[in-house]
Amino acid sequence: MSKALVRFAAALVCAAAAAPAQAQWGSIKGQVVLDGKLDPLKPLVKKGDAAAKDAAVCAANDVPDESVVVDEKSGGIANVIVYLRKKPDMVHPKFANPPRATVTYDQMGCKFIPHATVIQTNQKLNIISGDPIAHNTRATPLKNQGFNFIVPPSDRKGTDVPFKVAENLPIEVRCDIHPWMRGWVMVVDHPYAAVTAEDGTFEITDLPPGENEFRVWQEKVGYLEKSLKVKVESGKQTVVPTIKVAAATLK
């Protein structure tokens, strides 16, 4: 056999081996929606409230209550955290390293931005502030070391907070100077987690095939689904049945 034929045969073998590898991952998408009617929540701080701490900044505009955020058009619920319960045996090679070393957690208008976020154990949470006043940022995780420090006014460099192990539940982040401020951080040791968008939708890609078990969490209710089992198929996107949340549970 000529060298050219040998190279061609080797290329065919490599291509055949690569094809299954490329097709062995799937994805899921879904939506979390309100079931029923819920009156809009009152702001945590009203615009112009002179009694609010640091009113010139914190009461320059309404500070919304983001514990329940419902999209008027779709009924979708934002800030719901969907995450694989535990790290799978297989993780897509593209996730060998996170897309960025840090996840930014900002403070603007005396609220945390974003209200809810996800971070991996091989990333750090970079806590910054765009407000021209000091904030105190603290959290008491169950498995990781807690933190409690002052964030100086307009600190755009920030402080990096590491997390060594995954948490079972999202961590509550607060500011003691402005006690209405509350946010949530979910720490995972894998890349398979998402926060629902404004319309309540979520998507998680490049999952291993087979039955995957997810948890779905919302701050007012807690677990919406503690063991949501979804069959992921190679090369396909699985649509998760709509997750409905009774309005009564959010009051």
C-alpha atoms as a PDB file:
ATOM      1  CA  MET A   1       0.000   0.000   0.000  1.00  0.00           C
ATOM      2  CA  SER A   2       1.329   3.411  -0.937  1.00  0.00           C
ATOM      3  CA  LYS A   3       2.065   6.071   1.685  1.00  0.00           C
ATOM      4  CA  ALA A   4      -0.750   8.192   0.234  1.00  0.00           C
ATOM      5  CA  LEU A   5      -3.255   5.376   0.750  1.00  0.00           C
ATOM      6  CA  VAL A   6      -1.993   4.800   4.276  1.00  0.00           C
ATOM      7  CA  ARG A   7      -2.479   8.487   5.108  1.00  0.00           C
ATOM      8  CA  PHE A   8      -5.958   8.431   3.547  1.00  0.00           C
ATOM      9  CA  ALA A   9      -6.953   5.326   5.537  1.00  0.00           C
ATOM     10  CA  ALA A  10      -5.661   6.923   8.749  1.00  0.00           C
ATOM     11  CA  ALA A  11      -7.650  10.062   8.044  1.00  0.00           C
ATOM     12  CA  LEU A  12     -10.820   8.009   7.590  1.00  0.00           C
ATOM     13  CA  VAL A  13     -10.246   6.261  10.915  1.00  0.00           C
ATOM     14  CA  CYS A  14      -9.733   9.598  12.688  1.00  0.00           C
ATOM     15  CA  ALA A  15     -12.833  11.067  11.086  1.00  0.00           C
ATOM     16  CA  ALA A  16     -14.896   8.042  12.081  1.00  0.00           C
ATOM     17  CA  ALA A  17     -13.675   8.328  15.660  1.00  0.00           C
ATOM     18  CA  ALA A  18     -14.286  12.070  15.794  1.00  0.00           C
ATOM     19  CA  ALA A  19     -17.847  11.892  14.482  1.00  0.00           C
ATOM     20  CA  PRO A  20     -19.320  10.055  17.487  1.00  0.00           C
ATOM     21  CA  ALA A  21     -17.376  12.301  19.855  1.00  0.00           C
ATOM     22  CA  GLN A  22     -18.821  15.399  18.245  1.00  0.00           C
ATOM     23  CA  ALA A  23     -22.344  13.980  18.319  1.00  0.00           C
ATOM     24  CA  GLN A  24     -22.348  12.660  21.877  1.00  0.00           C
ATOM     25  CA  TRP A  25     -23.556  15.910  23.422  1.00  0.00           C
ATOM     26  CA  GLY A  26     -27.050  17.329  23.658  1.00  0.00           C
ATOM     27  CA  SER A  27     -28.813  20.379  25.066  1.00  0.00           C
ATOM     28  CA  ILE A  28     -31.968  21.351  26.899  1.00  0.00           C
ATOM     29  CA  LYS A  29     -34.177  24.407  26.874  1.00  0.00           C
ATOM     30  CA  GLY A  30     -37.246  25.350  28.851  1.00  0.00           C
ATOM     31  CA  GLN A  31     -39.238  28.094  30.511  1.00  0.00           C
ATOM     32  CA  VAL A  32     -40.453  28.927  34.015  1.00  0.00           C
ATOM     33  CA  VAL A  33     -43.797  30.742  34.025  1.00  0.00           C
ATOM     34  CA  LEU A  34     -46.297  32.171  36.484  1.00  0.00           C
ATOM     35  CA  ASP A  35     -49.498  30.180  36.966  1.00  0.00           C
ATOM     36  CA  GLY A  36     -52.134  32.671  38.045  1.00  0.00           C
ATOM     37  CA  LYS A  37     -52.070  36.380  38.757  1.00  0.00           C
ATOM     38  CA  LEU A  38     -49.645  38.293  40.934  1.00  0.00           C
ATOM     39  CA  ASP A  39     -49.793  41.982  41.760  1.00  0.00           C
ATOM     40  CA  PRO A  40     -46.584  43.889  41.016  1.00  0.00           C
ATOM     41  CA  LEU A  41     -44.278  44.140  44.021  1.00  0.00           C
ATOM     42  CA  LYS A  42     -43.733  47.535  45.605  1.00  0.00           C
ATOM     43  CA  PRO A  43     -40.238  49.005  45.290  1.00  0.00           C
ATOM     44  CA  LEU A  44     -37.851  48.362  48.160  1.00  0.00           C
ATOM     45  CA  VAL A  45     -36.942  52.041  48.120  1.00  0.00           C
ATOM     46  CA  LYS A  46     -39.163  54.652  46.508  1.00  0.00           C
ATOM     47  CA  LYS A  47     -37.698  57.416  44.422  1.00  0.00           C
ATOM     48  CA  GLY A  48     -37.232  60.536  46.521  1.00  0.00           C
ATOM     49  CA  ASP A  49     -37.471  58.756  49.885  1.00  0.00           C
ATOM     50  CA  ALA A  50     -35.375  61.067  52.066  1.00  0.00           C
ATOM     51  CA  ALA A  51     -35.413  58.543  54.933  1.00  0.00           C
ATOM     52  CA  ALA A  52     -33.474  55.958  52.913  1.00  0.00           C
ATOM     53  CA  LYS A  53     -29.806  55.460  53.756  1.00  0.00           C
ATOM     54  CA  ASP A  54     -27.673  57.442  51.287  1.00  0.00           C
ATOM     55  CA  ALA A  55     -30.856  58.782  49.742  1.00  0.00           C
ATOM     56  CA  ALA A  56     -29.070  60.960  47.185  1.00  0.00           C
ATOM     57  CA  VAL A  57     -27.900  57.753  45.502  1.00  0.00           C
ATOM     58  CA  CYS A  58     -30.236  55.022  46.714  1.00  0.00           C
ATOM     59  CA  ALA A  59     -33.445  57.012  46.266  1.00  0.00           C
ATOM     60  CA  ALA A  60     -32.451  58.706  43.024  1.00  0.00           C
ATOM     61  CA  ASN A  61     -34.735  56.104  41.404  1.00  0.00           C
ATOM     62  CA  ASP A  62     -36.978  53.325  42.617  1.00  0.00           C
ATOM     63  CA  VAL A  63     -35.089  50.285  43.851  1.00  0.00           C
ATOM     64  CA  PRO A  64     -37.225  47.393  42.589  1.00  0.00           C
ATOM     65  CA  ASP A  65     -38.060  44.281  44.571  1.00  0.00           C
ATOM     66  CA  GLU A  66     -36.484  41.586  42.394  1.00  0.00           C
ATOM     67  CA  SER A  67     -37.472  38.637  44.564  1.00  0.00           C
ATOM     68  CA  VAL A  68     -40.136  37.924  41.931  1.00  0.00           C
ATOM     69  CA  VAL A  69     -39.722  39.328  38.418  1.00  0.00           C
ATOM     70  CA  VAL A  70     -42.490  38.395  35.982  1.00  0.00           C
ATOM     71  CA  ASP A  71     -42.537  39.294  32.299  1.00  0.00           C
ATOM     72  CA  GLU A  72     -45.896  40.923  31.507  1.00  0.00           C
ATOM     73  CA  LYS A  73     -46.025  39.540  27.975  1.00  0.00           C
ATOM     74  CA  SER A  74     -44.960  35.923  28.442  1.00  0.00           C
ATOM     75  CA  GLY A  75     -45.604  35.371  32.140  1.00  0.00           C
ATOM     76  CA  GLY A  76     -42.036  34.099  32.414  1.00  0.00           C
ATOM     77  CA  ILE A  77     -40.204  34.365  35.728  1.00  0.00           C
ATOM     78  CA  ALA A  78     -36.660  35.736  35.705  1.00  0.00           C
ATOM     79  CA  ASN A  79     -33.788  34.937  38.085  1.00  0.00           C
ATOM     80  CA  VAL A  80     -34.683  31.268  38.524  1.00  0.00           C
ATOM     81  CA  ILE A  81     -31.547  29.123  38.807  1.00  0.00           C
ATOM     82  CA  VAL A  82     -31.447  25.807  36.932  1.00  0.00           C
ATOM     83  CA  TYR A  83     -28.468  23.561  37.595  1.00  0.00           C
ATOM     84  CA  LEU A  84     -27.299  19.985  37.231  1.00  0.00           C
ATOM     85  CA  ARG A  85     -27.455  18.395  40.674  1.00  0.00           C
ATOM     86  CA  LYS A  86     -23.936  16.988  40.529  1.00  0.00           C
ATOM     87  CA  LYS A  87     -20.961  17.022  38.221  1.00  0.00           C
ATOM     88  CA  PRO A  88     -21.341  14.377  35.502  1.00  0.00           C
ATOM     89  CA  ASP A  89     -18.715  11.797  34.613  1.00  0.00           C
ATOM     90  CA  MET A  90     -18.298  13.438  31.211  1.00  0.00           C
ATOM     91  CA  VAL A  91     -17.908  17.162  30.578  1.00  0.00           C
ATOM     92  CA  HIS A  92     -17.592  18.608  27.086  1.00  0.00           C
ATOM     93  CA  PRO A  93     -13.923  19.304  26.218  1.00  0.00           C
ATOM     94  CA  LYS A  94     -14.726  22.914  25.363  1.00  0.00           C
ATOM     95  CA  PHE A  95     -15.490  23.457  29.053  1.00  0.00           C
ATOM     96  CA  ALA A  96     -12.020  22.359  30.177  1.00  0.00           C
ATOM     97  CA  ASN A  97     -11.427  25.994  31.064  1.00  0.00           C
ATOM     98  CA  PRO A  98     -14.126  28.583  31.863  1.00  0.00           C
ATOM     99  CA  PRO A  99     -14.732  31.326  29.292  1.00  0.00           C
ATOM    100  CA  ARG A 100     -13.445  33.899  31.788  1.00  0.00           C
ATOM    101  CA  ALA A 101     -11.483  33.781  35.038  1.00  0.00           C
ATOM    102  CA  THR A 102     -13.921  35.968  36.979  1.00  0.00           C
ATOM    103  CA  VAL A 103     -17.654  36.584  37.154  1.00  0.00           C
ATOM    104  CA  THR A 104     -18.535  40.228  37.750  1.00  0.00           C
ATOM    105  CA  TYR A 105     -20.970  41.096  40.524  1.00  0.00           C
ATOM    106  CA  ASP A 106     -21.782  44.798  40.434  1.00  0.00           C
ATOM    107  CA  GLN A 107     -23.612  47.240  42.694  1.00  0.00           C
ATOM    108  CA  MET A 108     -25.459  50.024  40.934  1.00  0.00           C
ATOM    109  CA  GLY A 109     -28.363  52.105  42.199  1.00  0.00           C
ATOM    110  CA  CYS A 110     -28.057  50.334  45.547  1.00  0.00           C
ATOM    111  CA  LYS A 111     -28.892  46.903  44.145  1.00  0.00           C
ATOM    112  CA  PHE A 112     -26.847  43.913  43.025  1.00  0.00           C
ATOM    113  CA  ILE A 113     -26.408  43.395  39.285  1.00  0.00           C
ATOM    114  CA  PRO A 114     -27.211  40.753  38.257  1.00  0.00           C
ATOM    115  CA  HIS A 115     -29.694  39.790  40.928  1.00  0.00           C
ATOM    116  CA  ALA A 116     -28.799  36.119  40.466  1.00  0.00           C
ATOM    117  CA  THR A 117     -25.738  34.588  38.866  1.00  0.00           C
ATOM    118  CA  VAL A 118     -23.809  31.333  38.517  1.00  0.00           C
ATOM    119  CA  ILE A 119     -20.104  30.795  39.142  1.00  0.00           C
ATOM    120  CA  GLN A 120     -17.852  27.753  38.795  1.00  0.00           C
ATOM    121  CA  THR A 121     -15.314  26.670  41.391  1.00  0.00           C
ATOM    122  CA  ASN A 122     -12.499  27.430  38.932  1.00  0.00           C
ATOM    123  CA  GLN A 123     -13.652  31.049  38.697  1.00  0.00           C
ATOM    124  CA  LYS A 124     -13.653  33.961  41.140  1.00  0.00           C
ATOM    125  CA  LEU A 125     -16.456  36.366  41.959  1.00  0.00           C
ATOM    126  CA  ASN A 126     -15.280  39.913  41.248  1.00  0.00           C
ATOM    127  CA  ILE A 127     -17.351  42.225  43.458  1.00  0.00           C
ATOM    128  CA  ILE A 128     -17.325  45.821  42.225  1.00  0.00           C
ATOM    129  CA  SER A 129     -19.437  48.955  42.604  1.00  0.00           C
ATOM    130  CA  GLY A 130     -20.519  51.800  40.396  1.00  0.00           C
ATOM    131  CA  ASP A 131     -22.177  53.720  43.223  1.00  0.00           C
ATOM    132  CA  PRO A 132     -20.391  56.816  44.612  1.00  0.00           C
ATOM    133  CA  ILE A 133     -20.995  55.520  48.155  1.00  0.00           C
ATOM    134  CA  ALA A 134     -19.563  52.655  50.179  1.00  0.00           C
ATOM    135  CA  HIS A 135     -21.235  49.265  50.361  1.00  0.00           C
ATOM    136  CA  ASN A 136     -20.667  46.392  52.755  1.00  0.00           C
ATOM    137  CA  THR A 137     -20.858  43.046  50.972  1.00  0.00           C
ATOM    138  CA  ARG A 138     -21.174  39.833  52.929  1.00  0.00           C
ATOM    139  CA  ALA A 139     -22.231  36.212  52.568  1.00  0.00           C
ATOM    140  CA  THR A 140     -22.135  33.086  54.729  1.00  0.00           C
ATOM    141  CA  PRO A 141     -21.909  30.058  52.424  1.00  0.00           C
ATOM    142  CA  LEU A 142     -22.499  26.595  53.866  1.00  0.00           C
ATOM    143  CA  LYS A 143     -19.389  24.999  52.359  1.00  0.00           C
ATOM    144  CA  ASN A 144     -17.077  27.847  51.390  1.00  0.00           C
ATOM    145  CA  GLN A 145     -15.427  30.545  53.472  1.00  0.00           C
ATOM    146  CA  GLY A 146     -17.666  33.483  54.223  1.00  0.00           C
ATOM    147  CA  PHE A 147     -16.767  37.048  53.360  1.00  0.00           C
ATOM    148  CA  ASN A 148     -17.610  40.455  54.757  1.00  0.00           C
ATOM    149  CA  PHE A 149     -15.856  43.594  53.535  1.00  0.00           C
ATOM    150  CA  ILE A 150     -16.368  47.208  52.568  1.00  0.00           C
ATOM    151  CA  VAL A 151     -16.545  48.019  48.864  1.00  0.00           C
ATOM    152  CA  PRO A 152     -15.238  51.588  48.402  1.00  0.00           C
ATOM    153  CA  PRO A 153     -17.222  54.150  46.403  1.00  0.00           C
ATOM    154  CA  SER A 154     -17.024  53.700  42.624  1.00  0.00           C
ATOM    155  CA  ASP A 155     -14.680  50.708  42.961  1.00  0.00           C
ATOM    156  CA  ARG A 156     -14.376  49.333  39.418  1.00  0.00           C
ATOM    157  CA  LYS A 157     -11.373  47.130  40.188  1.00  0.00           C
ATOM    158  CA  GLY A 158     -13.159  45.244  42.909  1.00  0.00           C
ATOM    159  CA  THR A 159     -12.315  42.354  45.185  1.00  0.00           C
ATOM    160  CA  ASP A 160     -12.029  38.753  43.982  1.00  0.00           C
ATOM    161  CA  VAL A 161     -13.722  36.084  46.083  1.00  0.00           C
ATOM    162  CA  PRO A 162     -12.767  32.413  45.463  1.00  0.00           C
ATOM    163  CA  PHE A 163     -14.985  29.384  45.989  1.00  0.00           C
ATOM    164  CA  LYS A 164     -13.277  26.018  46.463  1.00  0.00           C
ATOM    165  CA  VAL A 165     -16.258  23.659  46.472  1.00  0.00           C
ATOM    166  CA  ALA A 166     -19.736  23.524  44.996  1.00  0.00           C
ATOM    167  CA  GLU A 167     -22.722  24.570  47.100  1.00  0.00           C
ATOM    168  CA  ASN A 168     -26.016  22.695  47.343  1.00  0.00           C
ATOM    169  CA  LEU A 169     -28.030  25.907  47.277  1.00  0.00           C
ATOM    170  CA  PRO A 170     -27.525  29.473  46.046  1.00  0.00           C
ATOM    171  CA  ILE A 171     -25.656  31.772  48.431  1.00  0.00           C
ATOM    172  CA  GLU A 172     -27.390  34.911  49.647  1.00  0.00           C
ATOM    173  CA  VAL A 173     -25.284  38.070  49.274  1.00  0.00           C
ATOM    174  CA  ARG A 174     -26.237  41.155  51.311  1.00  0.00           C
ATOM    175  CA  CYS A 175     -25.169  44.676  52.155  1.00  0.00           C
ATOM    176  CA  ASP A 176     -25.438  45.641  55.835  1.00  0.00           C
ATOM    177  CA  ILE A 177     -25.219  49.352  55.097  1.00  0.00           C
ATOM    178  CA  HIS A 178     -28.252  49.131  52.804  1.00  0.00           C
ATOM    179  CA  PRO A 179     -30.202  46.194  54.264  1.00  0.00           C
ATOM    180  CA  TRP A 180     -32.702  45.903  51.410  1.00  0.00           C
ATOM    181  CA  MET A 181     -29.897  44.862  49.063  1.00  0.00           C
ATOM    182  CA  ARG A 182     -29.975  41.136  48.349  1.00  0.00           C
ATOM    183  CA  GLY A 183     -28.576  38.954  45.595  1.00  0.00           C
ATOM    184  CA  TRP A 184     -27.877  35.281  44.926  1.00  0.00           C
ATOM    185  CA  VAL A 185     -24.831  33.357  43.710  1.00  0.00           C
ATOM    186  CA  MET A 186     -24.938  29.667  42.775  1.00  0.00           C
ATOM    187  CA  VAL A 187     -21.560  27.912  43.021  1.00  0.00           C
ATOM    188  CA  VAL A 188     -21.157  24.774  40.879  1.00  0.00           C
ATOM    189  CA  ASP A 189     -18.211  22.550  39.963  1.00  0.00           C
ATOM    190  CA  HIS A 190     -19.371  22.037  36.371  1.00  0.00           C
ATOM    191  CA  PRO A 191     -20.574  24.216  33.469  1.00  0.00           C
ATOM    192  CA  TYR A 192     -24.185  23.012  33.415  1.00  0.00           C
ATOM    193  CA  ALA A 193     -26.214  25.762  35.062  1.00  0.00           C
ATOM    194  CA  ALA A 194     -28.249  28.757  33.945  1.00  0.00           C
ATOM    195  CA  VAL A 195     -30.338  31.662  35.215  1.00  0.00           C
ATOM    196  CA  THR A 196     -33.674  32.288  33.526  1.00  0.00           C
ATOM    197  CA  ALA A 197     -33.915  35.364  31.315  1.00  0.00           C
ATOM    198  CA  GLU A 198     -36.554  38.110  31.534  1.00  0.00           C
ATOM    199  CA  ASP A 199     -39.077  35.879  29.747  1.00  0.00           C
ATOM    200  CA  GLY A 200     -38.335  32.914  32.015  1.00  0.00           C
ATOM    201  CA  THR A 201     -36.439  30.931  29.395  1.00  0.00           C
ATOM    202  CA  PHE A 202     -33.227  28.995  29.924  1.00  0.00           C
ATOM    203  CA  GLU A 203     -30.884  26.855  27.854  1.00  0.00           C
ATOM    204  CA  ILE A 204     -28.033  24.548  28.847  1.00  0.00           C
ATOM    205  CA  THR A 205     -25.833  23.160  26.084  1.00  0.00           C
ATOM    206  CA  ASP A 206     -23.299  20.394  25.462  1.00  0.00           C
ATOM    207  CA  LEU A 207     -24.641  18.050  28.104  1.00  0.00           C
ATOM    208  CA  PRO A 208     -23.680  14.369  28.248  1.00  0.00           C
ATOM    209  CA  PRO A 209     -26.356  12.041  26.837  1.00  0.00           C
ATOM    210  CA  GLY A 210     -28.635  10.035  29.066  1.00  0.00           C
ATOM    211  CA  GLU A 211     -30.775  10.956  32.049  1.00  0.00           C
ATOM    212  CA  ASN A 212     -29.586  14.147  33.702  1.00  0.00           C
ATOM    213  CA  GLU A 213     -30.975  15.346  37.040  1.00  0.00           C
ATOM    214  CA  PHE A 214     -31.497  19.083  37.549  1.00  0.00           C
ATOM    215  CA  ARG A 215     -32.623  21.317  40.347  1.00  0.00           C
ATOM    216  CA  VAL A 216     -34.733  24.418  39.782  1.00  0.00           C
ATOM    217  CA  TRP A 217     -34.645  27.082  42.491  1.00  0.00           C
ATOM    218  CA  GLN A 218     -36.417  30.395  43.070  1.00  0.00           C
ATOM    219  CA  GLU A 219     -35.697  32.590  46.085  1.00  0.00           C
ATOM    220  CA  LYS A 220     -39.286  33.032  47.294  1.00  0.00           C
ATOM    221  CA  VAL A 221     -40.227  29.378  46.977  1.00  0.00           C
ATOM    222  CA  GLY A 222     -36.967  27.491  47.230  1.00  0.00           C
ATOM    223  CA  TYR A 223     -36.948  24.352  45.107  1.00  0.00           C
ATOM    224  CA  LEU A 224     -39.427  24.486  42.248  1.00  0.00           C
ATOM    225  CA  GLU A 225     -38.005  21.125  41.195  1.00  0.00           C
ATOM    226  CA  LYS A 226     -35.615  19.221  43.459  1.00  0.00           C
ATOM    227  CA  SER A 227     -35.156  16.302  41.077  1.00  0.00           C
ATOM    228  CA  LEU A 228     -36.033  17.262  37.511  1.00  0.00           C
ATOM    229  CA  LYS A 229     -34.927  14.339  35.354  1.00  0.00           C
ATOM    230  CA  VAL A 230     -34.405  15.083  31.676  1.00  0.00           C
ATOM    231  CA  LYS A 231     -33.342  12.589  29.025  1.00  0.00           C
ATOM    232  CA  VAL A 232     -30.669  14.210  26.887  1.00  0.00           C
ATOM    233  CA  GLU A 233     -30.150  12.788  23.413  1.00  0.00           C
ATOM    234  CA  SER A 234     -26.939  12.966  21.402  1.00  0.00           C
ATOM    235  CA  GLY A 235     -26.947  15.783  18.863  1.00  0.00           C
ATOM    236  CA  LYS A 236     -30.436  16.945  19.838  1.00  0.00           C
ATOM    237  CA  GLN A 237     -32.095  19.667  21.883  1.00  0.00           C
ATOM    238  CA  THR A 238     -34.602  18.447  24.454  1.00  0.00           C
ATOM    239  CA  VAL A 239     -37.479  20.751  25.343  1.00  0.00           C
ATOM    240  CA  VAL A 240     -38.302  20.565  29.037  1.00  0.00           C
ATOM    241  CA  PRO A 241     -42.035  20.741  29.842  1.00  0.00           C
ATOM    242  CA  THR A 242     -42.970  24.240  31.015  1.00  0.00           C
ATOM    243  CA  ILE A 243     -42.373  24.685  34.729  1.00  0.00           C
ATOM    244  CA  LYS A 244     -45.380  26.452  36.222  1.00  0.00           C
ATOM    245  CA  VAL A 245     -45.222  28.311  39.518  1.00  0.00           C
ATOM    246  CA  ALA A 246     -48.471  28.924  41.394  1.00  0.00           C
ATOM    247  CA  ALA A 247     -48.938  32.616  42.100  1.00  0.00           C
ATOM    248  CA  ALA A 248     -50.000  31.865  45.685  1.00  0.00           C
ATOM    249  CA  THR A 249     -46.539  30.469  46.481  1.00  0.00           C
ATOM    250  CA  LEU A 250     -44.867  33.735  45.467  1.00  0.00           C
ATOM    251  CA  LYS A 251     -46.844  36.050  47.750  1.00  0.00           C
END
